[in-house]
Amino acid sequence: MRRSEAYLAEAQKLSLTGSFGWRVASGEIDLVPGDVLHSWIRSDDYPNLELVLQRVHPEDRTLVQQTIDRATRDGTELDFEHRLLMPDGVVKHVHIVARATRAESGAIEFVER
């Protein structure tokens, strides 16, 4: 299992991709430590939607929030592009693709696909 996780982490670094899981009810986001998404967040805090939204480029925040609101309300997939604004001023372009699932409790969760 650890070897598979190491291979996945290395492949994500090489391809500049990442994976995540997001529990909508709590706002908690699971990131693979060391992958590109984790390095862009760079926080000692547990990642959550609020922290991620702080990195969204100001010109894209409304679009991102509307897209997230629609997907969480309707339980539809996420598939959109936007920019991140890093603390050093560098702009990163990201493409988010995630499917909506239902936990046993019925709560919506999103998993990067």
PDB file of N, CA and C in Angstrom:
ATOM      1  N   MET A   1       0.826  -1.190   0.000  1.00  0.00           N
ATOM      2  CA  MET A   1       0.000   0.000   0.000  1.00  0.00           C
ATOM      3  C   MET A   1       0.870   1.253   0.000  1.00  0.00           C
ATOM      4  N   ARG A   2       1.903   1.258   0.849  1.00  0.00           N
ATOM      5  CA  ARG A   2       2.775   2.432   0.913  1.00  0.00           C
ATOM      6  C   ARG A   2       3.503   2.654  -0.409  1.00  0.00           C
ATOM      7  N   ARG A   3       3.901   1.558  -1.043  1.00  0.00           N
ATOM      8  CA  ARG A   3       4.586   1.680  -2.334  1.00  0.00           C
ATOM      9  C   ARG A   3       3.638   2.290  -3.370  1.00  0.00           C
ATOM     10  N   SER A   4       2.404   1.852  -3.392  1.00  0.00           N
ATOM     11  CA  SER A   4       1.416   2.403  -4.323  1.00  0.00           C
ATOM     12  C   SER A   4       1.190   3.885  -4.073  1.00  0.00           C
ATOM     13  N   GLU A   5       1.093   4.268  -2.801  1.00  0.00           N
ATOM     14  CA  GLU A   5       0.920   5.680  -2.464  1.00  0.00           C
ATOM     15  C   GLU A   5       2.127   6.496  -2.900  1.00  0.00           C
ATOM     16  N   ALA A   6       3.323   5.949  -2.725  1.00  0.00           N
ATOM     17  CA  ALA A   6       4.543   6.651  -3.137  1.00  0.00           C
ATOM     18  C   ALA A   6       4.572   6.820  -4.653  1.00  0.00           C
ATOM     19  N   TYR A   7       4.185   5.776  -5.394  1.00  0.00           N
ATOM     20  CA  TYR A   7       4.141   5.866  -6.849  1.00  0.00           C
ATOM     21  C   TYR A   7       3.130   6.920  -7.297  1.00  0.00           C
ATOM     22  N   LEU A   8       1.969   6.925  -6.658  1.00  0.00           N
ATOM     23  CA  LEU A   8       0.945   7.906  -7.002  1.00  0.00           C
ATOM     24  C   LEU A   8       1.452   9.315  -6.731  1.00  0.00           C
ATOM     25  N   ALA A   9       2.046   9.539  -5.576  1.00  0.00           N
ATOM     26  CA  ALA A   9       2.556  10.860  -5.229  1.00  0.00           C
ATOM     27  C   ALA A   9       3.620  11.312  -6.229  1.00  0.00           C
ATOM     28  N   GLU A  10       4.502  10.423  -6.611  1.00  0.00           N
ATOM     29  CA  GLU A  10       5.551  10.773  -7.574  1.00  0.00           C
ATOM     30  C   GLU A  10       4.962  11.072  -8.950  1.00  0.00           C
ATOM     31  N   ALA A  11       4.001  10.272  -9.371  1.00  0.00           N
ATOM     32  CA  ALA A  11       3.353  10.501 -10.667  1.00  0.00           C
ATOM     33  C   ALA A  11       2.636  11.846 -10.685  1.00  0.00           C
ATOM     34  N   GLN A  12       2.006  12.202  -9.569  1.00  0.00           N
ATOM     35  CA  GLN A  12       1.313  13.487  -9.502  1.00  0.00           C
ATOM     36  C   GLN A  12       2.297  14.646  -9.540  1.00  0.00           C
ATOM     37  N   LYS A  13       3.440  14.510  -8.914  1.00  0.00           N
ATOM     38  CA  LYS A  13       4.467  15.554  -8.982  1.00  0.00           C
ATOM     39  C   LYS A  13       4.947  15.735 -10.414  1.00  0.00           C
ATOM     40  N   LEU A  14       5.235  14.620 -11.086  1.00  0.00           N
ATOM     41  CA  LEU A  14       5.756  14.677 -12.451  1.00  0.00           C
ATOM     42  C   LEU A  14       4.743  15.263 -13.429  1.00  0.00           C
ATOM     43  N   SER A  15       3.464  14.968 -13.235  1.00  0.00           N
ATOM     44  CA  SER A  15       2.429  15.432 -14.165  1.00  0.00           C
ATOM     45  C   SER A  15       1.780  16.744 -13.716  1.00  0.00           C
ATOM     46  N   LEU A  16       2.231  17.291 -12.609  1.00  0.00           N
ATOM     47  CA  LEU A  16       1.660  18.524 -12.044  1.00  0.00           C
ATOM     48  C   LEU A  16       0.158  18.392 -11.820  1.00  0.00           C
ATOM     49  N   THR A  17      -0.237  17.241 -11.288  1.00  0.00           N
ATOM     50  CA  THR A  17      -1.635  17.003 -10.956  1.00  0.00           C
ATOM     51  C   THR A  17      -1.754  16.692  -9.473  1.00  0.00           C
ATOM     52  N   GLY A  18      -2.950  16.637  -9.009  1.00  0.00           N
ATOM     53  CA  GLY A  18      -3.187  16.293  -7.617  1.00  0.00           C
ATOM     54  C   GLY A  18      -4.540  15.625  -7.493  1.00  0.00           C
ATOM     55  N   SER A  19      -4.829  15.129  -6.327  1.00  0.00           N
ATOM     56  CA  SER A  19      -6.133  14.529  -6.096  1.00  0.00           C
ATOM     57  C   SER A  19      -6.642  14.979  -4.736  1.00  0.00           C
ATOM     58  N   PHE A  20      -7.948  14.989  -4.618  1.00  0.00           N
ATOM     59  CA  PHE A  20      -8.542  15.448  -3.369  1.00  0.00           C
ATOM     60  C   PHE A  20      -9.874  14.776  -3.129  1.00  0.00           C
ATOM     61  N   GLY A  21     -10.304  14.823  -1.907  1.00  0.00           N
ATOM     62  CA  GLY A  21     -11.644  14.449  -1.498  1.00  0.00           C
ATOM     63  C   GLY A  21     -12.179  15.614  -0.675  1.00  0.00           C
ATOM     64  N   TRP A  22     -13.438  15.957  -0.845  1.00  0.00           N
ATOM     65  CA  TRP A  22     -14.022  17.091  -0.128  1.00  0.00           C
ATOM     66  C   TRP A  22     -15.348  16.677   0.476  1.00  0.00           C
ATOM     67  N   ARG A  23     -15.435  16.766   1.795  1.00  0.00           N
ATOM     68  CA  ARG A  23     -16.672  16.502   2.520  1.00  0.00           C
ATOM     69  C   ARG A  23     -17.402  17.834   2.679  1.00  0.00           C
ATOM     70  N   VAL A  24     -18.465  18.009   1.944  1.00  0.00           N
ATOM     71  CA  VAL A  24     -19.169  19.287   1.871  1.00  0.00           C
ATOM     72  C   VAL A  24     -19.672  19.744   3.240  1.00  0.00           C
ATOM     73  N   ALA A  25     -20.276  18.845   4.005  1.00  0.00           N
ATOM     74  CA  ALA A  25     -20.876  19.222   5.285  1.00  0.00           C
ATOM     75  C   ALA A  25     -19.866  19.846   6.238  1.00  0.00           C
ATOM     76  N   SER A  26     -18.665  19.299   6.284  1.00  0.00           N
ATOM     77  CA  SER A  26     -17.650  19.818   7.208  1.00  0.00           C
ATOM     78  C   SER A  26     -16.705  20.812   6.540  1.00  0.00           C
ATOM     79  N   GLY A  27     -16.665  20.792   5.205  1.00  0.00           N
ATOM     80  CA  GLY A  27     -15.735  21.648   4.478  1.00  0.00           C
ATOM     81  C   GLY A  27     -14.326  21.088   4.415  1.00  0.00           C
ATOM     82  N   GLU A  28     -14.105  19.937   5.058  1.00  0.00           N
ATOM     83  CA  GLU A  28     -12.767  19.356   5.087  1.00  0.00           C
ATOM     84  C   GLU A  28     -12.374  18.813   3.724  1.00  0.00           C
ATOM     85  N   ILE A  29     -11.096  19.000   3.394  1.00  0.00           N
ATOM     86  CA  ILE A  29     -10.545  18.526   2.131  1.00  0.00           C
ATOM     87  C   ILE A  29      -9.372  17.619   2.438  1.00  0.00           C
ATOM     88  N   ASP A  30      -9.359  16.460   1.812  1.00  0.00           N
ATOM     89  CA  ASP A  30      -8.235  15.538   1.937  1.00  0.00           C
ATOM     90  C   ASP A  30      -7.331  15.727   0.737  1.00  0.00           C
ATOM     91  N   LEU A  31      -6.070  16.036   0.991  1.00  0.00           N
ATOM     92  CA  LEU A  31      -5.066  16.161  -0.061  1.00  0.00           C
ATOM     93  C   LEU A  31      -3.972  15.143   0.192  1.00  0.00           C
ATOM     94  N   VAL A  32      -3.335  14.699  -0.868  1.00  0.00           N
ATOM     95  CA  VAL A  32      -2.207  13.793  -0.726  1.00  0.00           C
ATOM     96  C   VAL A  32      -0.985  14.633  -0.348  1.00  0.00           C
ATOM     97  N   PRO A  33      -0.389  14.407   0.832  1.00  0.00           N
ATOM     98  CA  PRO A  33       0.788  15.190   1.213  1.00  0.00           C
ATOM     99  C   PRO A  33       1.876  15.072   0.146  1.00  0.00           C
ATOM    100  N   GLY A  34       2.415  16.218  -0.246  1.00  0.00           N
ATOM    101  CA  GLY A  34       3.488  16.228  -1.225  1.00  0.00           C
ATOM    102  C   GLY A  34       3.015  16.406  -2.658  1.00  0.00           C
ATOM    103  N   ASP A  35       1.700  16.236  -2.924  1.00  0.00           N
ATOM    104  CA  ASP A  35       1.281  16.430  -4.308  1.00  0.00           C
ATOM    105  C   ASP A  35       1.172  17.925  -4.603  1.00  0.00           C
ATOM    106  N   VAL A  36       0.943  18.251  -5.849  1.00  0.00           N
ATOM    107  CA  VAL A  36       0.980  19.641  -6.279  1.00  0.00           C
ATOM    108  C   VAL A  36      -0.088  20.484  -5.577  1.00  0.00           C
ATOM    109  N   LEU A  37      -1.263  19.944  -5.328  1.00  0.00           N
ATOM    110  CA  LEU A  37      -2.302  20.711  -4.647  1.00  0.00           C
ATOM    111  C   LEU A  37      -1.882  21.044  -3.222  1.00  0.00           C
ATOM    112  N   HIS A  38      -1.307  20.062  -2.546  1.00  0.00           N
ATOM    113  CA  HIS A  38      -0.865  20.275  -1.168  1.00  0.00           C
ATOM    114  C   HIS A  38       0.194  21.380  -1.122  1.00  0.00           C
ATOM    115  N   SER A  39       1.110  21.386  -2.079  1.00  0.00           N
ATOM    116  CA  SER A  39       2.170  22.394  -2.078  1.00  0.00           C
ATOM    117  C   SER A  39       1.619  23.776  -2.394  1.00  0.00           C
ATOM    118  N   TRP A  40       0.521  23.864  -3.148  1.00  0.00           N
ATOM    119  CA  TRP A  40      -0.051  25.165  -3.458  1.00  0.00           C
ATOM    120  C   TRP A  40      -0.792  25.749  -2.270  1.00  0.00           C
ATOM    121  N   ILE A  41      -1.344  24.902  -1.424  1.00  0.00           N
ATOM    122  CA  ILE A  41      -2.056  25.379  -0.241  1.00  0.00           C
ATOM    123  C   ILE A  41      -1.049  25.796   0.825  1.00  0.00           C
ATOM    124  N   ARG A  42      -0.032  24.966   1.057  1.00  0.00           N
ATOM    125  CA  ARG A  42       1.049  25.223   2.014  1.00  0.00           C
ATOM    126  C   ARG A  42       0.529  25.768   3.343  1.00  0.00           C
ATOM    127  N   SER A  43      -0.101  24.918   4.049  1.00  0.00           N
ATOM    128  CA  SER A  43      -0.625  25.312   5.346  1.00  0.00           C
ATOM    129  C   SER A  43      -0.403  24.197   6.343  1.00  0.00           C
ATOM    130  N   ASP A  44      -0.130  24.585   7.560  1.00  0.00           N
ATOM    131  CA  ASP A  44      -0.035  23.604   8.631  1.00  0.00           C
ATOM    132  C   ASP A  44      -1.431  23.238   9.134  1.00  0.00           C
ATOM    133  N   ASP A  45      -2.414  24.076   8.779  1.00  0.00           N
ATOM    134  CA  ASP A  45      -3.790  23.799   9.155  1.00  0.00           C
ATOM    135  C   ASP A  45      -4.343  22.690   8.274  1.00  0.00           C
ATOM    136  N   TYR A  46      -5.384  22.029   8.763  1.00  0.00           N
ATOM    137  CA  TYR A  46      -6.048  21.027   7.946  1.00  0.00           C
ATOM    138  C   TYR A  46      -6.738  21.749   6.798  1.00  0.00           C
ATOM    139  N   PRO A  47      -6.472  21.355   5.551  1.00  0.00           N
ATOM    140  CA  PRO A  47      -7.084  22.071   4.423  1.00  0.00           C
ATOM    141  C   PRO A  47      -8.599  22.038   4.484  1.00  0.00           C
ATOM    142  N   ASN A  48      -9.207  23.149   4.171  1.00  0.00           N
ATOM    143  CA  ASN A  48     -10.655  23.226   4.085  1.00  0.00           C
ATOM    144  C   ASN A  48     -11.014  24.159   2.936  1.00  0.00           C
ATOM    145  N   LEU A  49     -12.277  24.220   2.587  1.00  0.00           N
ATOM    146  CA  LEU A  49     -12.702  25.012   1.443  1.00  0.00           C
ATOM    147  C   LEU A  49     -12.332  26.478   1.616  1.00  0.00           C
ATOM    148  N   GLU A  50     -12.489  26.995   2.800  1.00  0.00           N
ATOM    149  CA  GLU A  50     -12.158  28.401   3.059  1.00  0.00           C
ATOM    150  C   GLU A  50     -10.699  28.700   2.717  1.00  0.00           C
ATOM    151  N   LEU A  51      -9.808  27.831   3.137  1.00  0.00           N
ATOM    152  CA  LEU A  51      -8.382  27.999   2.871  1.00  0.00           C
ATOM    153  C   LEU A  51      -8.094  27.925   1.374  1.00  0.00           C
ATOM    154  N   VAL A  52      -8.732  27.000   0.682  1.00  0.00           N
ATOM    155  CA  VAL A  52      -8.534  26.864  -0.760  1.00  0.00           C
ATOM    156  C   VAL A  52      -9.054  28.108  -1.473  1.00  0.00           C
ATOM    157  N   LEU A  53     -10.222  28.590  -1.082  1.00  0.00           N
ATOM    158  CA  LEU A  53     -10.797  29.765  -1.736  1.00  0.00           C
ATOM    159  C   LEU A  53      -9.933  31.007  -1.559  1.00  0.00           C
ATOM    160  N   GLN A  54      -9.143  31.061  -0.504  1.00  0.00           N
ATOM    161  CA  GLN A  54      -8.234  32.189  -0.317  1.00  0.00           C
ATOM    162  C   GLN A  54      -7.184  32.259  -1.414  1.00  0.00           C
ATOM    163  N   ARG A  55      -6.864  31.115  -2.030  1.00  0.00           N
ATOM    164  CA  ARG A  55      -5.874  31.066  -3.106  1.00  0.00           C
ATOM    165  C   ARG A  55      -6.475  31.373  -4.475  1.00  0.00           C
ATOM    166  N   VAL A  56      -7.809  31.338  -4.604  1.00  0.00           N
ATOM    167  CA  VAL A  56      -8.441  31.596  -5.898  1.00  0.00           C
ATOM    168  C   VAL A  56      -8.195  33.047  -6.292  1.00  0.00           C
ATOM    169  N   HIS A  57      -7.837  33.245  -7.553  1.00  0.00           N
ATOM    170  CA  HIS A  57      -7.595  34.595  -8.083  1.00  0.00           C
ATOM    171  C   HIS A  57      -8.840  35.443  -7.840  1.00  0.00           C
ATOM    172  N   PRO A  58      -8.675  36.674  -7.368  1.00  0.00           N
ATOM    173  CA  PRO A  58      -9.840  37.520  -7.054  1.00  0.00           C
ATOM    174  C   PRO A  58     -10.834  37.650  -8.209  1.00  0.00           C
ATOM    175  N   GLU A  59     -10.353  37.694  -9.442  1.00  0.00           N
ATOM    176  CA  GLU A  59     -11.253  37.828 -10.594  1.00  0.00           C
ATOM    177  C   GLU A  59     -12.046  36.549 -10.859  1.00  0.00           C
ATOM    178  N   ASP A  60     -11.634  35.428 -10.282  1.00  0.00           N
ATOM    179  CA  ASP A  60     -12.302  34.148 -10.510  1.00  0.00           C
ATOM    180  C   ASP A  60     -13.151  33.692  -9.331  1.00  0.00           C
ATOM    181  N   ARG A  61     -13.098  34.405  -8.216  1.00  0.00           N
ATOM    182  CA  ARG A  61     -13.781  33.942  -7.003  1.00  0.00           C
ATOM    183  C   ARG A  61     -15.286  33.784  -7.175  1.00  0.00           C
ATOM    184  N   THR A  62     -15.928  34.719  -7.840  1.00  0.00           N
ATOM    185  CA  THR A  62     -17.379  34.630  -8.022  1.00  0.00           C
ATOM    186  C   THR A  62     -17.729  33.404  -8.842  1.00  0.00           C
ATOM    187  N   LEU A  63     -17.022  33.181  -9.940  1.00  0.00           N
ATOM    188  CA  LEU A  63     -17.265  32.003 -10.772  1.00  0.00           C
ATOM    189  C   LEU A  63     -17.065  30.720  -9.979  1.00  0.00           C
ATOM    190  N   VAL A  64     -15.981  30.638  -9.238  1.00  0.00           N
ATOM    191  CA  VAL A  64     -15.678  29.437  -8.462  1.00  0.00           C
ATOM    192  C   VAL A  64     -16.758  29.210  -7.411  1.00  0.00           C
ATOM    193  N   GLN A  65     -17.141  30.253  -6.695  1.00  0.00           N
ATOM    194  CA  GLN A  65     -18.158  30.103  -5.650  1.00  0.00           C
ATOM    195  C   GLN A  65     -19.498  29.691  -6.244  1.00  0.00           C
ATOM    196  N   GLN A  66     -19.894  30.285  -7.368  1.00  0.00           N
ATOM    197  CA  GLN A  66     -21.154  29.919  -8.016  1.00  0.00           C
ATOM    198  C   GLN A  66     -21.129  28.469  -8.498  1.00  0.00           C
ATOM    199  N   THR A  67     -19.994  28.048  -9.050  1.00  0.00           N
ATOM    200  CA  THR A  67     -19.856  26.676  -9.541  1.00  0.00           C
ATOM    201  C   THR A  67     -19.957  25.685  -8.388  1.00  0.00           C
ATOM    202  N   ILE A  68     -19.283  25.983  -7.291  1.00  0.00           N
ATOM    203  CA  ILE A  68     -19.317  25.121  -6.118  1.00  0.00           C
ATOM    204  C   ILE A  68     -20.727  25.087  -5.519  1.00  0.00           C
ATOM    205  N   ASP A  69     -21.354  26.250  -5.415  1.00  0.00           N
ATOM    206  CA  ASP A  69     -22.721  26.311  -4.860  1.00  0.00           C
ATOM    207  C   ASP A  69     -23.689  25.465  -5.688  1.00  0.00           C
ATOM    208  N   ARG A  70     -23.614  25.577  -7.001  1.00  0.00           N
ATOM    209  CA  ARG A  70     -24.510  24.822  -7.889  1.00  0.00           C
ATOM    210  C   ARG A  70     -24.265  23.317  -7.747  1.00  0.00           C
ATOM    211  N   ALA A  71     -22.997  22.920  -7.741  1.00  0.00           N
ATOM    212  CA  ALA A  71     -22.677  21.487  -7.657  1.00  0.00           C
ATOM    213  C   ALA A  71     -23.100  20.902  -6.315  1.00  0.00           C
ATOM    214  N   THR A  72     -22.910  21.643  -5.233  1.00  0.00           N
ATOM    215  CA  THR A  72     -23.298  21.106  -3.927  1.00  0.00           C
ATOM    216  C   THR A  72     -24.816  21.075  -3.766  1.00  0.00           C
ATOM    217  N   ARG A  73     -25.499  22.039  -4.356  1.00  0.00           N
ATOM    218  CA  ARG A  73     -26.967  22.068  -4.278  1.00  0.00           C
ATOM    219  C   ARG A  73     -27.581  20.947  -5.106  1.00  0.00           C
ATOM    220  N   ASP A  74     -27.050  20.754  -6.329  1.00  0.00           N
ATOM    221  CA  ASP A  74     -27.638  19.798  -7.263  1.00  0.00           C
ATOM    222  C   ASP A  74     -26.991  18.418  -7.215  1.00  0.00           C
ATOM    223  N   GLY A  75     -25.847  18.293  -6.530  1.00  0.00           N
ATOM    224  CA  GLY A  75     -25.136  17.018  -6.489  1.00  0.00           C
ATOM    225  C   GLY A  75     -24.539  16.638  -7.829  1.00  0.00           C
ATOM    226  N   THR A  76     -24.150  17.648  -8.609  1.00  0.00           N
ATOM    227  CA  THR A  76     -23.578  17.404  -9.932  1.00  0.00           C
ATOM    228  C   THR A  76     -22.054  17.430  -9.878  1.00  0.00           C
ATOM    229  N   GLU A  77     -21.449  16.972 -10.959  1.00  0.00           N
ATOM    230  CA  GLU A  77     -19.992  16.944 -11.026  1.00  0.00           C
ATOM    231  C   GLU A  77     -19.414  18.352 -11.091  1.00  0.00           C
ATOM    232  N   LEU A  78     -18.183  18.461 -10.667  1.00  0.00           N
ATOM    233  CA  LEU A  78     -17.412  19.692 -10.823  1.00  0.00           C
ATOM    234  C   LEU A  78     -16.487  19.503 -12.022  1.00  0.00           C
ATOM    235  N   ASP A  79     -16.493  20.445 -12.932  1.00  0.00           N
ATOM    236  CA  ASP A  79     -15.591  20.419 -14.083  1.00  0.00           C
ATOM    237  C   ASP A  79     -15.442  21.854 -14.556  1.00  0.00           C
ATOM    238  N   PHE A  80     -14.392  22.512 -14.081  1.00  0.00           N
ATOM    239  CA  PHE A  80     -14.189  23.915 -14.427  1.00  0.00           C
ATOM    240  C   PHE A  80     -12.721  24.289 -14.278  1.00  0.00           C
ATOM    241  N   GLU A  81     -12.360  25.399 -14.896  1.00  0.00           N
ATOM    242  CA  GLU A  81     -10.999  25.922 -14.819  1.00  0.00           C
ATOM    243  C   GLU A  81     -11.023  27.271 -14.127  1.00  0.00           C
ATOM    244  N   HIS A  82      -9.967  27.549 -13.403  1.00  0.00           N
ATOM    245  CA  HIS A  82      -9.807  28.862 -12.791  1.00  0.00           C
ATOM    246  C   HIS A  82      -8.337  29.078 -12.465  1.00  0.00           C
ATOM    247  N   ARG A  83      -8.050  30.239 -11.898  1.00  0.00           N
ATOM    248  CA  ARG A  83      -6.674  30.579 -11.559  1.00  0.00           C
ATOM    249  C   ARG A  83      -6.506  30.655 -10.051  1.00  0.00           C
ATOM    250  N   LEU A  84      -5.308  30.337  -9.610  1.00  0.00           N
ATOM    251  CA  LEU A  84      -4.903  30.526  -8.227  1.00  0.00           C
ATOM    252  C   LEU A  84      -3.892  31.660  -8.208  1.00  0.00           C
ATOM    253  N   LEU A  85      -3.950  32.489  -7.198  1.00  0.00           N
ATOM    254  CA  LEU A  85      -2.967  33.551  -7.013  1.00  0.00           C
ATOM    255  C   LEU A  85      -2.124  33.197  -5.805  1.00  0.00           C
ATOM    256  N   MET A  86      -0.858  32.936  -6.046  1.00  0.00           N
ATOM    257  CA  MET A  86       0.048  32.502  -4.995  1.00  0.00           C
ATOM    258  C   MET A  86       0.562  33.713  -4.216  1.00  0.00           C
ATOM    259  N   PRO A  87       1.042  33.514  -2.999  1.00  0.00           N
ATOM    260  CA  PRO A  87       1.529  34.629  -2.178  1.00  0.00           C
ATOM    261  C   PRO A  87       2.653  35.435  -2.844  1.00  0.00           C
ATOM    262  N   ASP A  88       3.435  34.773  -3.709  1.00  0.00           N
ATOM    263  CA  ASP A  88       4.528  35.482  -4.382  1.00  0.00           C
ATOM    264  C   ASP A  88       4.076  36.178  -5.667  1.00  0.00           C
ATOM    265  N   GLY A  89       2.756  36.162  -5.948  1.00  0.00           N
ATOM    266  CA  GLY A  89       2.212  36.835  -7.122  1.00  0.00           C
ATOM    267  C   GLY A  89       2.115  35.966  -8.357  1.00  0.00           C
ATOM    268  N   VAL A  90       2.629  34.757  -8.312  1.00  0.00           N
ATOM    269  CA  VAL A  90       2.557  33.840  -9.449  1.00  0.00           C
ATOM    270  C   VAL A  90       1.117  33.354  -9.608  1.00  0.00           C
ATOM    271  N   VAL A  91       0.660  33.297 -10.852  1.00  0.00           N
ATOM    272  CA  VAL A  91      -0.677  32.810 -11.155  1.00  0.00           C
ATOM    273  C   VAL A  91      -0.564  31.386 -11.691  1.00  0.00           C
ATOM    274  N   LYS A  92      -1.341  30.478 -11.109  1.00  0.00           N
ATOM    275  CA  LYS A  92      -1.386  29.078 -11.529  1.00  0.00           C
ATOM    276  C   LYS A  92      -2.764  28.807 -12.120  1.00  0.00           C
ATOM    277  N   HIS A  93      -2.792  28.130 -13.253  1.00  0.00           N
ATOM    278  CA  HIS A  93      -4.050  27.740 -13.889  1.00  0.00           C
ATOM    279  C   HIS A  93      -4.359  26.305 -13.489  1.00  0.00           C
ATOM    280  N   VAL A  94      -5.587  26.065 -13.028  1.00  0.00           N
ATOM    281  CA  VAL A  94      -5.985  24.732 -12.601  1.00  0.00           C
ATOM    282  C   VAL A  94      -7.291  24.327 -13.283  1.00  0.00           C
ATOM    283  N   HIS A  95      -7.437  23.037 -13.458  1.00  0.00           N
ATOM    284  CA  HIS A  95      -8.663  22.452 -13.998  1.00  0.00           C
ATOM    285  C   HIS A  95      -9.150  21.461 -12.950  1.00  0.00           C
ATOM    286  N   ILE A  96     -10.301  21.721 -12.394  1.00  0.00           N
ATOM    287  CA  ILE A  96     -10.889  20.878 -11.358  1.00  0.00           C
ATOM    288  C   ILE A  96     -11.911  19.941 -11.990  1.00  0.00           C
ATOM    289  N   VAL A  97     -11.751  18.659 -11.737  1.00  0.00           N
ATOM    290  CA  VAL A  97     -12.707  17.659 -12.197  1.00  0.00           C
ATOM    291  C   VAL A  97     -12.965  16.728 -11.018  1.00  0.00           C
ATOM    292  N   ALA A  98     -14.207  16.671 -10.568  1.00  0.00           N
ATOM    293  CA  ALA A  98     -14.548  15.823  -9.422  1.00  0.00           C
ATOM    294  C   ALA A  98     -15.979  15.324  -9.580  1.00  0.00           C
ATOM    295  N   ARG A  99     -16.207  14.111  -9.099  1.00  0.00           N
ATOM    296  CA  ARG A  99     -17.569  13.570  -9.156  1.00  0.00           C
ATOM    297  C   ARG A  99     -18.203  13.657  -7.778  1.00  0.00           C
ATOM    298  N   ALA A 100     -19.489  13.836  -7.789  1.00  0.00           N
ATOM    299  CA  ALA A 100     -20.253  13.885  -6.550  1.00  0.00           C
ATOM    300  C   ALA A 100     -20.631  12.476  -6.138  1.00  0.00           C
ATOM    301  N   THR A 101     -20.483  12.172  -4.867  1.00  0.00           N
ATOM    302  CA  THR A 101     -20.910  10.893  -4.322  1.00  0.00           C
ATOM    303  C   THR A 101     -21.715  11.165  -3.056  1.00  0.00           C
ATOM    304  N   ARG A 102     -22.389  10.157  -2.592  1.00  0.00           N
ATOM    305  CA  ARG A 102     -23.136  10.282  -1.336  1.00  0.00           C
ATOM    306  C   ARG A 102     -22.533   9.341  -0.315  1.00  0.00           C
ATOM    307  N   ALA A 103     -22.223   9.886   0.848  1.00  0.00           N
ATOM    308  CA  ALA A 103     -21.738   9.062   1.955  1.00  0.00           C
ATOM    309  C   ALA A 103     -22.907   8.243   2.492  1.00  0.00           C
ATOM    310  N   GLU A 104     -22.615   7.291   3.344  1.00  0.00           N
ATOM    311  CA  GLU A 104     -23.679   6.479   3.936  1.00  0.00           C
ATOM    312  C   GLU A 104     -24.706   7.341   4.654  1.00  0.00           C
ATOM    313  N   SER A 105     -24.264   8.472   5.184  1.00  0.00           N
ATOM    314  CA  SER A 105     -25.161   9.376   5.885  1.00  0.00           C
ATOM    315  C   SER A 105     -26.063  10.153   4.939  1.00  0.00           C
ATOM    316  N   GLY A 106     -25.749  10.100   3.628  1.00  0.00           N
ATOM    317  CA  GLY A 106     -26.505  10.860   2.641  1.00  0.00           C
ATOM    318  C   GLY A 106     -25.852  12.177   2.287  1.00  0.00           C
ATOM    319  N   ALA A 107     -24.814  12.537   3.012  1.00  0.00           N
ATOM    320  CA  ALA A 107     -24.110  13.795   2.758  1.00  0.00           C
ATOM    321  C   ALA A 107     -23.340  13.716   1.450  1.00  0.00           C
ATOM    322  N   ILE A 108     -23.263  14.832   0.743  1.00  0.00           N
ATOM    323  CA  ILE A 108     -22.533  14.888  -0.524  1.00  0.00           C
ATOM    324  C   ILE A 108     -21.045  15.032  -0.261  1.00  0.00           C
ATOM    325  N   GLU A 109     -20.275  14.264  -1.018  1.00  0.00           N
ATOM    326  CA  GLU A 109     -18.828  14.369  -1.004  1.00  0.00           C
ATOM    327  C   GLU A 109     -18.367  14.438  -2.452  1.00  0.00           C
ATOM    328  N   PHE A 110     -17.244  15.098  -2.678  1.00  0.00           N
ATOM    329  CA  PHE A 110     -16.670  15.152  -4.016  1.00  0.00           C
ATOM    330  C   PHE A 110     -15.333  14.460  -3.994  1.00  0.00           C
ATOM    331  N   VAL A 111     -15.084  13.695  -5.053  1.00  0.00           N
ATOM    332  CA  VAL A 111     -13.827  12.978  -5.186  1.00  0.00           C
ATOM    333  C   VAL A 111     -13.246  13.336  -6.547  1.00  0.00           C
ATOM    334  N   GLU A 112     -11.984  13.756  -6.538  1.00  0.00           N
ATOM    335  CA  GLU A 112     -11.300  14.080  -7.779  1.00  0.00           C
ATOM    336  C   GLU A 112     -11.243  12.823  -8.618  1.00  0.00           C
ATOM    337  N   ARG A 113     -11.475  12.986  -9.900  1.00  0.00           N
ATOM    338  CA  ARG A 113     -11.441  11.777 -10.737  1.00  0.00           C
ATOM    339  C   ARG A 113     -10.410  11.870 -11.820  1.00  0.00           C
TER     340      ARG A 113
END
